[in-house]
Amino acid sequence: MKELRRSQTDRMLGGVCAGIANYLEVDPTIIRLVWVICIFLAGTGILAYLICWIVIPNEWSIKS
C-alpha cells in the first residue's frame, strides 16, 4: 500500500513536493511548478506547503 511521505533524498526545501510526486508517480519538477503557480496566482501555496510540511511524515519515520 502506498503512503504519502516527505522525501529525504530528493528535496529542495522540506521534501513535500518530491513526496507528493512519488505518491502520484510523476516528476517532482511538475509538482514544484504547480506549487509555484499556486503561490503566485492564489497566494495560498505558502500556507499549504507549511501545513503539508507539518502534517506529512518523513519517509525515514516509517514504522515497520
N, C-alpha and C. Protein backbone atom coordinates (compact mmCIF):
# COMPACT_ATOMS: atom_id res chain seq x y z
N MET A 1 0.84 -1.17 0.00
CA MET A 1 0.00 0.00 0.00
C MET A 1 0.89 1.25 0.00
N LYS A 2 0.57 2.20 -0.88
CA LYS A 2 1.34 3.43 -0.99
C LYS A 2 0.99 4.37 0.15
N GLU A 3 2.03 5.03 0.67
CA GLU A 3 1.84 6.01 1.72
C GLU A 3 2.47 7.32 1.30
N LEU A 4 1.84 8.41 1.67
CA LEU A 4 2.36 9.73 1.37
C LEU A 4 3.40 10.09 2.43
N ARG A 5 4.66 10.26 2.00
CA ARG A 5 5.77 10.59 2.88
C ARG A 5 6.61 11.68 2.24
N ARG A 6 7.17 12.57 3.07
CA ARG A 6 8.09 13.58 2.56
C ARG A 6 9.41 12.91 2.20
N SER A 7 9.99 13.30 1.08
CA SER A 7 11.24 12.71 0.63
C SER A 7 12.42 13.27 1.42
N GLN A 8 13.37 12.41 1.72
CA GLN A 8 14.59 12.84 2.39
C GLN A 8 15.76 12.92 1.41
N THR A 9 15.60 12.35 0.23
CA THR A 9 16.70 12.33 -0.73
C THR A 9 16.52 13.35 -1.85
N ASP A 10 15.33 13.48 -2.37
CA ASP A 10 15.06 14.40 -3.49
C ASP A 10 14.26 15.58 -2.96
N ARG A 11 14.96 16.49 -2.29
CA ARG A 11 14.26 17.60 -1.66
C ARG A 11 14.94 18.92 -1.99
N MET A 12 14.13 19.95 -2.07
CA MET A 12 14.63 21.30 -2.27
C MET A 12 14.53 22.06 -0.95
N LEU A 13 13.42 21.91 -0.28
CA LEU A 13 13.19 22.61 0.98
C LEU A 13 12.82 21.59 2.06
N GLY A 14 11.61 21.13 2.03
CA GLY A 14 11.16 20.19 3.06
C GLY A 14 10.85 18.80 2.55
N GLY A 15 10.95 18.59 1.24
CA GLY A 15 10.65 17.28 0.67
C GLY A 15 9.19 17.04 0.39
N VAL A 16 8.36 18.07 0.54
CA VAL A 16 6.92 17.92 0.34
C VAL A 16 6.60 17.63 -1.13
N CYS A 17 7.12 18.42 -2.04
CA CYS A 17 6.81 18.24 -3.47
C CYS A 17 7.31 16.90 -3.99
N ALA A 18 8.51 16.50 -3.58
CA ALA A 18 9.05 15.22 -4.01
C ALA A 18 8.23 14.07 -3.43
N GLY A 19 7.78 14.21 -2.20
CA GLY A 19 6.94 13.18 -1.59
C GLY A 19 5.61 13.03 -2.31
N ILE A 20 5.00 14.16 -2.64
CA ILE A 20 3.74 14.13 -3.38
C ILE A 20 3.96 13.54 -4.78
N ALA A 21 5.06 13.91 -5.41
CA ALA A 21 5.38 13.38 -6.74
C ALA A 21 5.60 11.88 -6.70
N ASN A 22 6.30 11.39 -5.69
CA ASN A 22 6.49 9.94 -5.54
C ASN A 22 5.16 9.23 -5.34
N TYR A 23 4.29 9.83 -4.56
CA TYR A 23 2.97 9.24 -4.29
C TYR A 23 2.12 9.18 -5.57
N LEU A 24 2.18 10.26 -6.36
CA LEU A 24 1.39 10.32 -7.59
C LEU A 24 2.10 9.72 -8.79
N GLU A 25 3.37 9.33 -8.61
CA GLU A 25 4.20 8.74 -9.66
C GLU A 25 4.38 9.67 -10.84
N VAL A 26 4.74 10.92 -10.54
CA VAL A 26 5.05 11.92 -11.57
C VAL A 26 6.40 12.55 -11.23
N ASP A 27 6.91 13.36 -12.14
CA ASP A 27 8.18 14.04 -11.94
C ASP A 27 8.02 15.14 -10.88
N PRO A 28 8.94 15.22 -9.92
CA PRO A 28 8.84 16.25 -8.88
C PRO A 28 8.85 17.67 -9.43
N THR A 29 9.47 17.88 -10.57
CA THR A 29 9.50 19.22 -11.17
C THR A 29 8.10 19.71 -11.51
N ILE A 30 7.25 18.82 -11.94
CA ILE A 30 5.87 19.18 -12.27
C ILE A 30 5.14 19.67 -11.02
N ILE A 31 5.29 18.93 -9.93
CA ILE A 31 4.64 19.32 -8.68
C ILE A 31 5.19 20.65 -8.19
N ARG A 32 6.50 20.85 -8.31
CA ARG A 32 7.10 22.11 -7.88
C ARG A 32 6.58 23.29 -8.70
N LEU A 33 6.44 23.10 -10.00
CA LEU A 33 5.92 24.16 -10.86
C LEU A 33 4.47 24.49 -10.51
N VAL A 34 3.67 23.47 -10.27
CA VAL A 34 2.27 23.69 -9.88
C VAL A 34 2.23 24.45 -8.56
N TRP A 35 3.11 24.11 -7.63
CA TRP A 35 3.13 24.77 -6.34
C TRP A 35 3.51 26.24 -6.49
N VAL A 36 4.48 26.54 -7.33
CA VAL A 36 4.89 27.94 -7.56
C VAL A 36 3.75 28.72 -8.21
N ILE A 37 3.05 28.10 -9.14
CA ILE A 37 1.89 28.76 -9.76
C ILE A 37 0.83 29.07 -8.71
N CYS A 38 0.59 28.13 -7.80
CA CYS A 38 -0.39 28.36 -6.72
C CYS A 38 0.04 29.51 -5.82
N ILE A 39 1.34 29.63 -5.59
CA ILE A 39 1.83 30.73 -4.75
C ILE A 39 1.56 32.07 -5.42
N PHE A 40 1.83 32.17 -6.72
CA PHE A 40 1.67 33.46 -7.40
C PHE A 40 0.23 33.79 -7.76
N LEU A 41 -0.57 32.79 -8.10
CA LEU A 41 -1.94 33.07 -8.52
C LEU A 41 -2.91 33.16 -7.34
N ALA A 42 -2.88 32.19 -6.48
CA ALA A 42 -3.86 32.16 -5.40
C ALA A 42 -3.31 32.72 -4.10
N GLY A 43 -2.00 32.66 -3.93
CA GLY A 43 -1.40 33.14 -2.70
C GLY A 43 -1.49 32.18 -1.54
N THR A 44 -2.12 31.04 -1.74
CA THR A 44 -2.28 30.06 -0.67
C THR A 44 -1.21 28.98 -0.69
N GLY A 45 -0.34 29.02 -1.65
CA GLY A 45 0.67 27.98 -1.80
C GLY A 45 1.63 27.89 -0.64
N ILE A 46 2.04 29.03 -0.09
CA ILE A 46 2.99 29.02 1.02
C ILE A 46 2.36 28.42 2.27
N LEU A 47 1.15 28.82 2.58
CA LEU A 47 0.46 28.26 3.74
C LEU A 47 0.21 26.77 3.56
N ALA A 48 -0.21 26.37 2.37
CA ALA A 48 -0.46 24.94 2.10
C ALA A 48 0.83 24.13 2.23
N TYR A 49 1.95 24.69 1.75
CA TYR A 49 3.24 24.00 1.86
C TYR A 49 3.63 23.81 3.32
N LEU A 50 3.48 24.86 4.11
CA LEU A 50 3.82 24.76 5.53
C LEU A 50 2.95 23.74 6.25
N ILE A 51 1.67 23.72 5.93
CA ILE A 51 0.78 22.73 6.54
C ILE A 51 1.18 21.31 6.13
N CYS A 52 1.48 21.12 4.85
CA CYS A 52 1.92 19.79 4.39
C CYS A 52 3.23 19.39 5.04
N TRP A 53 4.14 20.35 5.23
CA TRP A 53 5.43 20.07 5.85
C TRP A 53 5.23 19.55 7.28
N ILE A 54 4.24 20.09 7.97
CA ILE A 54 3.97 19.69 9.35
C ILE A 54 3.20 18.37 9.40
N VAL A 55 2.25 18.18 8.50
CA VAL A 55 1.34 17.04 8.56
C VAL A 55 1.93 15.77 7.95
N ILE A 56 2.62 15.88 6.82
CA ILE A 56 3.15 14.70 6.13
C ILE A 56 4.42 14.22 6.82
N PRO A 57 4.47 12.96 7.25
CA PRO A 57 5.67 12.46 7.95
C PRO A 57 6.84 12.22 7.00
N ASN A 58 8.05 12.18 7.57
CA ASN A 58 9.25 11.84 6.79
C ASN A 58 9.20 10.40 6.32
N GLU A 59 9.91 10.11 5.25
CA GLU A 59 9.95 8.73 4.79
C GLU A 59 10.81 7.86 5.71
N TRP A 60 11.67 8.47 6.51
CA TRP A 60 12.50 7.71 7.45
C TRP A 60 11.77 7.40 8.73
N SER A 61 10.61 7.98 8.92
CA SER A 61 9.86 7.73 10.15
C SER A 61 8.82 6.62 9.96
N ILE A 62 9.07 5.74 9.01
CA ILE A 62 8.15 4.64 8.75
C ILE A 62 8.32 3.58 9.83
N LYS A 63 7.23 3.20 10.43
CA LYS A 63 7.25 2.16 11.46
C LYS A 63 6.99 0.80 10.81
N SER A 64 7.86 -0.15 11.07
CA SER A 64 7.70 -1.48 10.48
C SER A 64 6.78 -2.32 11.31
